[in-house]
Amino acid sequence: LVATITVDDSTNYAESVKGRFTISE
């Protein structure tokens, strides 16, 4: 897993990419 985003825009990131990757819709 790298990152997820829910329908209410809650996001979750793998520790290895936090602060560097951004998921959006």
PDB file of all heavy atoms in Angstrom:
ATOM      1  N   LEU A   1       0.833  -1.194   0.000  1.00  0.00           N
ATOM      2  CA  LEU A   1       0.000   0.000   0.000  1.00  0.00           C
ATOM      3  C   LEU A   1       0.871   1.248   0.000  1.00  0.00           C
ATOM      4  O   LEU A   1       1.865   1.326   0.726  1.00  0.00           O
ATOM      5  CB  LEU A   1      -0.887   0.009   1.242  1.00  0.00           C
ATOM      6  CG  LEU A   1      -1.667   1.282   1.518  1.00  0.00           C
ATOM      7  CD1 LEU A   1      -2.788   1.447   0.505  1.00  0.00           C
ATOM      8  CD2 LEU A   1      -2.232   1.272   2.931  1.00  0.00           C
ATOM      9  N   VAL A   2       0.489   2.216  -0.807  1.00  0.00           N
ATOM     10  CA  VAL A   2       1.162   3.518  -0.809  1.00  0.00           C
ATOM     11  C   VAL A   2       0.272   4.553  -0.128  1.00  0.00           C
ATOM     12  O   VAL A   2       0.702   5.232   0.802  1.00  0.00           O
ATOM     13  CB  VAL A   2       1.496   3.969  -2.240  1.00  0.00           C
ATOM     14  CG1 VAL A   2       2.107   5.369  -2.223  1.00  0.00           C
ATOM     15  CG2 VAL A   2       2.436   2.968  -2.912  1.00  0.00           C
ATOM     16  N   ALA A   3      -0.959   4.684  -0.603  1.00  0.00           N
ATOM     17  CA  ALA A   3      -1.858   5.703  -0.053  1.00  0.00           C
ATOM     18  C   ALA A   3      -3.285   5.374  -0.435  1.00  0.00           C
ATOM     19  O   ALA A   3      -3.535   4.739  -1.464  1.00  0.00           O
ATOM     20  CB  ALA A   3      -1.490   7.088  -0.585  1.00  0.00           C
ATOM     21  N   THR A   4      -4.221   5.804   0.428  1.00  0.00           N
ATOM     22  CA  THR A   4      -5.644   5.664   0.124  1.00  0.00           C
ATOM     23  C   THR A   4      -6.368   6.957   0.429  1.00  0.00           C
ATOM     24  O   THR A   4      -5.901   7.784   1.221  1.00  0.00           O
ATOM     25  CB  THR A   4      -6.299   4.539   0.944  1.00  0.00           C
ATOM     26  OG1 THR A   4      -6.157   4.830   2.340  1.00  0.00           O
ATOM     27  CG2 THR A   4      -5.687   3.186   0.633  1.00  0.00           C
ATOM     28  N   ILE A   5      -7.555   7.108  -0.199  1.00  0.00           N
ATOM     29  CA  ILE A   5      -8.411   8.254   0.059  1.00  0.00           C
ATOM     30  C   ILE A   5      -9.849   7.774   0.017  1.00  0.00           C
ATOM     31  O   ILE A   5     -10.242   7.032  -0.884  1.00  0.00           O
ATOM     32  CB  ILE A   5      -8.144   9.394  -0.948  1.00  0.00           C
ATOM     33  CG1 ILE A   5      -8.960  10.635  -0.592  1.00  0.00           C
ATOM     34  CG2 ILE A   5      -8.399   8.943  -2.386  1.00  0.00           C
ATOM     35  CD1 ILE A   5      -8.528  11.887  -1.348  1.00  0.00           C
ATOM     36  N   THR A   6     -10.626   8.188   1.020  1.00  0.00           N
ATOM     37  CA  THR A   6     -12.012   7.762   1.104  1.00  0.00           C
ATOM     38  C   THR A   6     -12.931   8.783   0.441  1.00  0.00           C
ATOM     39  O   THR A   6     -12.495   9.860   0.017  1.00  0.00           O
ATOM     40  CB  THR A   6     -12.428   7.596   2.568  1.00  0.00           C
ATOM     41  OG1 THR A   6     -12.408   8.887   3.200  1.00  0.00           O
ATOM     42  CG2 THR A   6     -11.495   6.646   3.305  1.00  0.00           C
ATOM     43  N   VAL A   7     -14.222   8.445   0.397  1.00  0.00           N
ATOM     44  CA  VAL A   7     -15.175   9.347  -0.250  1.00  0.00           C
ATOM     45  C   VAL A   7     -15.333  10.646   0.517  1.00  0.00           C
ATOM     46  O   VAL A   7     -15.786  11.654  -0.040  1.00  0.00           O
ATOM     47  CB  VAL A   7     -16.542   8.666  -0.450  1.00  0.00           C
ATOM     48  CG1 VAL A   7     -16.421   7.519  -1.445  1.00  0.00           C
ATOM     49  CG2 VAL A   7     -17.109   8.178   0.866  1.00  0.00           C
ATOM     50  N   ASP A   8     -14.976  10.643   1.808  1.00  0.00           N
ATOM     51  CA  ASP A   8     -15.034  11.895   2.578  1.00  0.00           C
ATOM     52  C   ASP A   8     -13.654  12.532   2.700  1.00  0.00           C
ATOM     53  O   ASP A   8     -13.410  13.341   3.592  1.00  0.00           O
ATOM     54  CB  ASP A   8     -15.652  11.673   3.953  1.00  0.00           C
ATOM     55  CG  ASP A   8     -14.872  10.677   4.796  1.00  0.00           C
ATOM     56  OD1 ASP A   8     -13.893  10.111   4.288  1.00  0.00           O
ATOM     57  OD2 ASP A   8     -15.249  10.473   5.964  1.00  0.00           O
ATOM     58  N   ASP A   9     -12.741  12.108   1.800  1.00  0.00           N
ATOM     59  CA  ASP A   9     -11.409  12.718   1.662  1.00  0.00           C
ATOM     60  C   ASP A   9     -10.466  12.432   2.820  1.00  0.00           C
ATOM     61  O   ASP A   9      -9.474  13.152   3.005  1.00  0.00           O
ATOM     62  CB  ASP A   9     -11.514  14.227   1.440  1.00  0.00           C
ATOM     63  CG  ASP A   9     -12.140  14.561   0.095  1.00  0.00           C
ATOM     64  OD1 ASP A   9     -12.011  13.738  -0.834  1.00  0.00           O
ATOM     65  OD2 ASP A   9     -12.775  15.627  -0.014  1.00  0.00           O
ATOM     66  N   SER A  10     -10.726  11.395   3.593  1.00  0.00           N
ATOM     67  CA  SER A  10      -9.748  10.961   4.590  1.00  0.00           C
ATOM     68  C   SER A  10      -8.623  10.217   3.872  1.00  0.00           C
ATOM     69  O   SER A  10      -8.890   9.382   3.000  1.00  0.00           O
ATOM     70  CB  SER A  10     -10.394  10.044   5.617  1.00  0.00           C
ATOM     71  OG  SER A  10     -11.348  10.749   6.377  1.00  0.00           O
ATOM     72  N   THR A  11      -7.393  10.525   4.252  1.00  0.00           N
ATOM     73  CA  THR A  11      -6.251   9.925   3.574  1.00  0.00           C
ATOM     74  C   THR A  11      -5.412   9.086   4.545  1.00  0.00           C
ATOM     75  O   THR A  11      -5.420   9.309   5.756  1.00  0.00           O
ATOM     76  CB  THR A  11      -5.354  10.992   2.933  1.00  0.00           C
ATOM     77  OG1 THR A  11      -4.925  11.906   3.945  1.00  0.00           O
ATOM     78  CG2 THR A  11      -6.101  11.741   1.848  1.00  0.00           C
ATOM     79  N   ASN A  12      -4.693   8.148   3.956  1.00  0.00           N
ATOM     80  CA  ASN A  12      -3.810   7.276   4.722  1.00  0.00           C
ATOM     81  C   ASN A  12      -2.576   7.014   3.870  1.00  0.00           C
ATOM     82  O   ASN A  12      -2.698   6.820   2.643  1.00  0.00           O
ATOM     83  CB  ASN A  12      -4.514   5.964   5.051  1.00  0.00           C
ATOM     84  CG  ASN A  12      -3.645   5.021   5.845  1.00  0.00           C
ATOM     85  OD1 ASN A  12      -3.136   5.384   6.896  1.00  0.00           O
ATOM     86  ND2 ASN A  12      -3.452   3.814   5.349  1.00  0.00           N
ATOM     87  N   TYR A  13      -1.403   7.018   4.509  1.00  0.00           N
ATOM     88  CA  TYR A  13      -0.151   6.835   3.771  1.00  0.00           C
ATOM     89  C   TYR A  13       0.735   5.787   4.431  1.00  0.00           C
ATOM     90  O   TYR A  13       0.753   5.651   5.655  1.00  0.00           O
ATOM     91  CB  TYR A  13       0.628   8.156   3.718  1.00  0.00           C
ATOM     92  CG  TYR A  13      -0.063   9.259   2.961  1.00  0.00           C
ATOM     93  CD1 TYR A  13      -0.886  10.165   3.611  1.00  0.00           C
ATOM     94  CD2 TYR A  13       0.113   9.389   1.586  1.00  0.00           C
ATOM     95  CE1 TYR A  13      -1.533  11.170   2.916  1.00  0.00           C
ATOM     96  CE2 TYR A  13      -0.518  10.397   0.876  1.00  0.00           C
ATOM     97  CZ  TYR A  13      -1.335  11.290   1.552  1.00  0.00           C
ATOM     98  OH  TYR A  13      -1.968  12.291   0.853  1.00  0.00           O
ATOM     99  N   ALA A  14       1.501   5.106   3.614  1.00  0.00           N
ATOM    100  CA  ALA A  14       2.560   4.264   4.138  1.00  0.00           C
ATOM    101  C   ALA A  14       3.607   5.150   4.792  1.00  0.00           C
ATOM    102  O   ALA A  14       3.853   6.280   4.351  1.00  0.00           O
ATOM    103  CB  ALA A  14       3.192   3.455   3.003  1.00  0.00           C
ATOM    104  N   GLU A  15       4.221   4.627   5.857  1.00  0.00           N
ATOM    105  CA  GLU A  15       5.220   5.421   6.569  1.00  0.00           C
ATOM    106  C   GLU A  15       6.348   5.879   5.641  1.00  0.00           C
ATOM    107  O   GLU A  15       6.878   6.981   5.780  1.00  0.00           O
ATOM    108  CB  GLU A  15       5.794   4.613   7.724  1.00  0.00           C
ATOM    109  CG  GLU A  15       4.887   4.486   8.933  1.00  0.00           C
ATOM    110  CD  GLU A  15       4.612   5.817   9.614  1.00  0.00           C
ATOM    111  OE1 GLU A  15       5.530   6.672   9.629  1.00  0.00           O
ATOM    112  OE2 GLU A  15       3.482   6.013  10.111  1.00  0.00           O
ATOM    113  N   SER A  16       6.691   5.045   4.697  1.00  0.00           N
ATOM    114  CA  SER A  16       7.836   5.325   3.825  1.00  0.00           C
ATOM    115  C   SER A  16       7.598   6.498   2.881  1.00  0.00           C
ATOM    116  O   SER A  16       8.560   7.032   2.315  1.00  0.00           O
ATOM    117  CB  SER A  16       8.178   4.075   3.014  1.00  0.00           C
ATOM    118  OG  SER A  16       7.084   3.686   2.217  1.00  0.00           O
ATOM    119  N   VAL A  17       6.324   6.907   2.700  1.00  0.00           N
ATOM    120  CA  VAL A  17       6.046   7.992   1.758  1.00  0.00           C
ATOM    121  C   VAL A  17       5.432   9.214   2.430  1.00  0.00           C
ATOM    122  O   VAL A  17       5.214  10.238   1.768  1.00  0.00           O
ATOM    123  CB  VAL A  17       5.123   7.517   0.614  1.00  0.00           C
ATOM    124  CG1 VAL A  17       5.704   6.293  -0.067  1.00  0.00           C
ATOM    125  CG2 VAL A  17       3.704   7.248   1.107  1.00  0.00           C
ATOM    126  N   LYS A  18       5.157   9.125   3.721  1.00  0.00           N
ATOM    127  CA  LYS A  18       4.556  10.260   4.431  1.00  0.00           C
ATOM    128  C   LYS A  18       5.427  11.504   4.305  1.00  0.00           C
ATOM    129  O   LYS A  18       6.642  11.443   4.474  1.00  0.00           O
ATOM    130  CB  LYS A  18       4.365   9.920   5.910  1.00  0.00           C
ATOM    131  CG  LYS A  18       3.104   9.143   6.203  1.00  0.00           C
ATOM    132  CD  LYS A  18       2.939   8.917   7.705  1.00  0.00           C
ATOM    133  CE  LYS A  18       1.665   8.138   7.992  1.00  0.00           C
ATOM    134  NZ  LYS A  18       1.514   7.855   9.447  1.00  0.00           N
ATOM    135  N   GLY A  19       4.775  12.625   4.002  1.00  0.00           N
ATOM    136  CA  GLY A  19       5.493  13.876   3.851  1.00  0.00           C
ATOM    137  C   GLY A  19       6.077  14.090   2.463  1.00  0.00           C
ATOM    138  O   GLY A  19       6.541  15.184   2.145  1.00  0.00           O
ATOM    139  N   ARG A  20       6.055  13.046   1.638  1.00  0.00           N
ATOM    140  CA  ARG A  20       6.597  13.164   0.274  1.00  0.00           C
ATOM    141  C   ARG A  20       5.521  12.956  -0.795  1.00  0.00           C
ATOM    142  O   ARG A  20       5.596  13.558  -1.859  1.00  0.00           O
ATOM    143  CB  ARG A  20       7.710  12.131   0.054  1.00  0.00           C
ATOM    144  CG  ARG A  20       8.884  12.273   1.005  1.00  0.00           C
ATOM    145  CD  ARG A  20      10.040  11.363   0.616  1.00  0.00           C
ATOM    146  NE  ARG A  20       9.687   9.945   0.643  1.00  0.00           N
ATOM    147  CZ  ARG A  20       9.772   9.121  -0.405  1.00  0.00           C
ATOM    148  NH1 ARG A  20      10.183   9.573  -1.579  1.00  0.00           N
ATOM    149  NH2 ARG A  20       9.435   7.840  -0.280  1.00  0.00           N
ATOM    150  N   PHE A  21       4.553  12.087  -0.526  1.00  0.00           N
ATOM    151  CA  PHE A  21       3.501  11.766  -1.498  1.00  0.00           C
ATOM    152  C   PHE A  21       2.184  12.360  -1.027  1.00  0.00           C
ATOM    153  O   PHE A  21       1.910  12.423   0.184  1.00  0.00           O
ATOM    154  CB  PHE A  21       3.333  10.264  -1.644  1.00  0.00           C
ATOM    155  CG  PHE A  21       4.478   9.546  -2.331  1.00  0.00           C
ATOM    156  CD1 PHE A  21       5.692  10.166  -2.572  1.00  0.00           C
ATOM    157  CD2 PHE A  21       4.317   8.246  -2.738  1.00  0.00           C
ATOM    158  CE1 PHE A  21       6.729   9.504  -3.200  1.00  0.00           C
ATOM    159  CE2 PHE A  21       5.335   7.551  -3.382  1.00  0.00           C
ATOM    160  CZ  PHE A  21       6.545   8.183  -3.599  1.00  0.00           C
ATOM    161  N   THR A  22       1.348  12.742  -1.989  1.00  0.00           N
ATOM    162  CA  THR A  22       0.021  13.271  -1.692  1.00  0.00           C
ATOM    163  C   THR A  22      -0.992  12.644  -2.625  1.00  0.00           C
ATOM    164  O   THR A  22      -0.845  12.719  -3.862  1.00  0.00           O
ATOM    165  CB  THR A  22      -0.021  14.802  -1.851  1.00  0.00           C
ATOM    166  OG1 THR A  22       0.973  15.400  -1.029  1.00  0.00           O
ATOM    167  CG2 THR A  22      -1.389  15.333  -1.446  1.00  0.00           C
ATOM    168  N   ILE A  23      -2.032  12.042  -2.045  1.00  0.00           N
ATOM    169  CA  ILE A  23      -3.113  11.482  -2.840  1.00  0.00           C
ATOM    170  C   ILE A  23      -4.271  12.465  -2.829  1.00  0.00           C
ATOM    171  O   ILE A  23      -4.547  13.121  -1.812  1.00  0.00           O
ATOM    172  CB  ILE A  23      -3.559  10.096  -2.306  1.00  0.00           C
ATOM    173  CG1 ILE A  23      -4.552   9.441  -3.264  1.00  0.00           C
ATOM    174  CG2 ILE A  23      -4.108  10.195  -0.883  1.00  0.00           C
ATOM    175  CD1 ILE A  23      -4.857   7.978  -2.930  1.00  0.00           C
ATOM    176  N   SER A  24      -4.932  12.596  -3.978  1.00  0.00           N
ATOM    177  CA  SER A  24      -6.066  13.509  -4.071  1.00  0.00           C
ATOM    178  C   SER A  24      -7.027  13.014  -5.131  1.00  0.00           C
ATOM    179  O   SER A  24      -6.686  12.138  -5.937  1.00  0.00           O
ATOM    180  CB  SER A  24      -5.602  14.931  -4.397  1.00  0.00           C
ATOM    181  OG  SER A  24      -4.944  14.967  -5.649  1.00  0.00           O
ATOM    182  N   GLU A  25      -8.225  13.568  -5.121  1.00  0.00           N
ATOM    183  CA  GLU A  25      -9.255  13.207  -6.094  1.00  0.00           C
ATOM    184  C   GLU A  25      -9.818  14.466  -6.730  1.00  0.00           C
ATOM    185  O   GLU A  25      -9.954  15.494  -6.069  1.00  0.00           O
ATOM    186  CB  GLU A  25     -10.410  12.453  -5.430  1.00  0.00           C
ATOM    187  CG  GLU A  25     -10.086  11.075  -4.955  1.00  0.00           C
ATOM    188  CD  GLU A  25     -11.304  10.357  -4.383  1.00  0.00           C
ATOM    189  OE1 GLU A  25     -12.200  11.044  -3.851  1.00  0.00           O
ATOM    190  OE2 GLU A  25     -11.357   9.122  -4.466  1.00  0.00           O
TER     191      GLU A  25
END
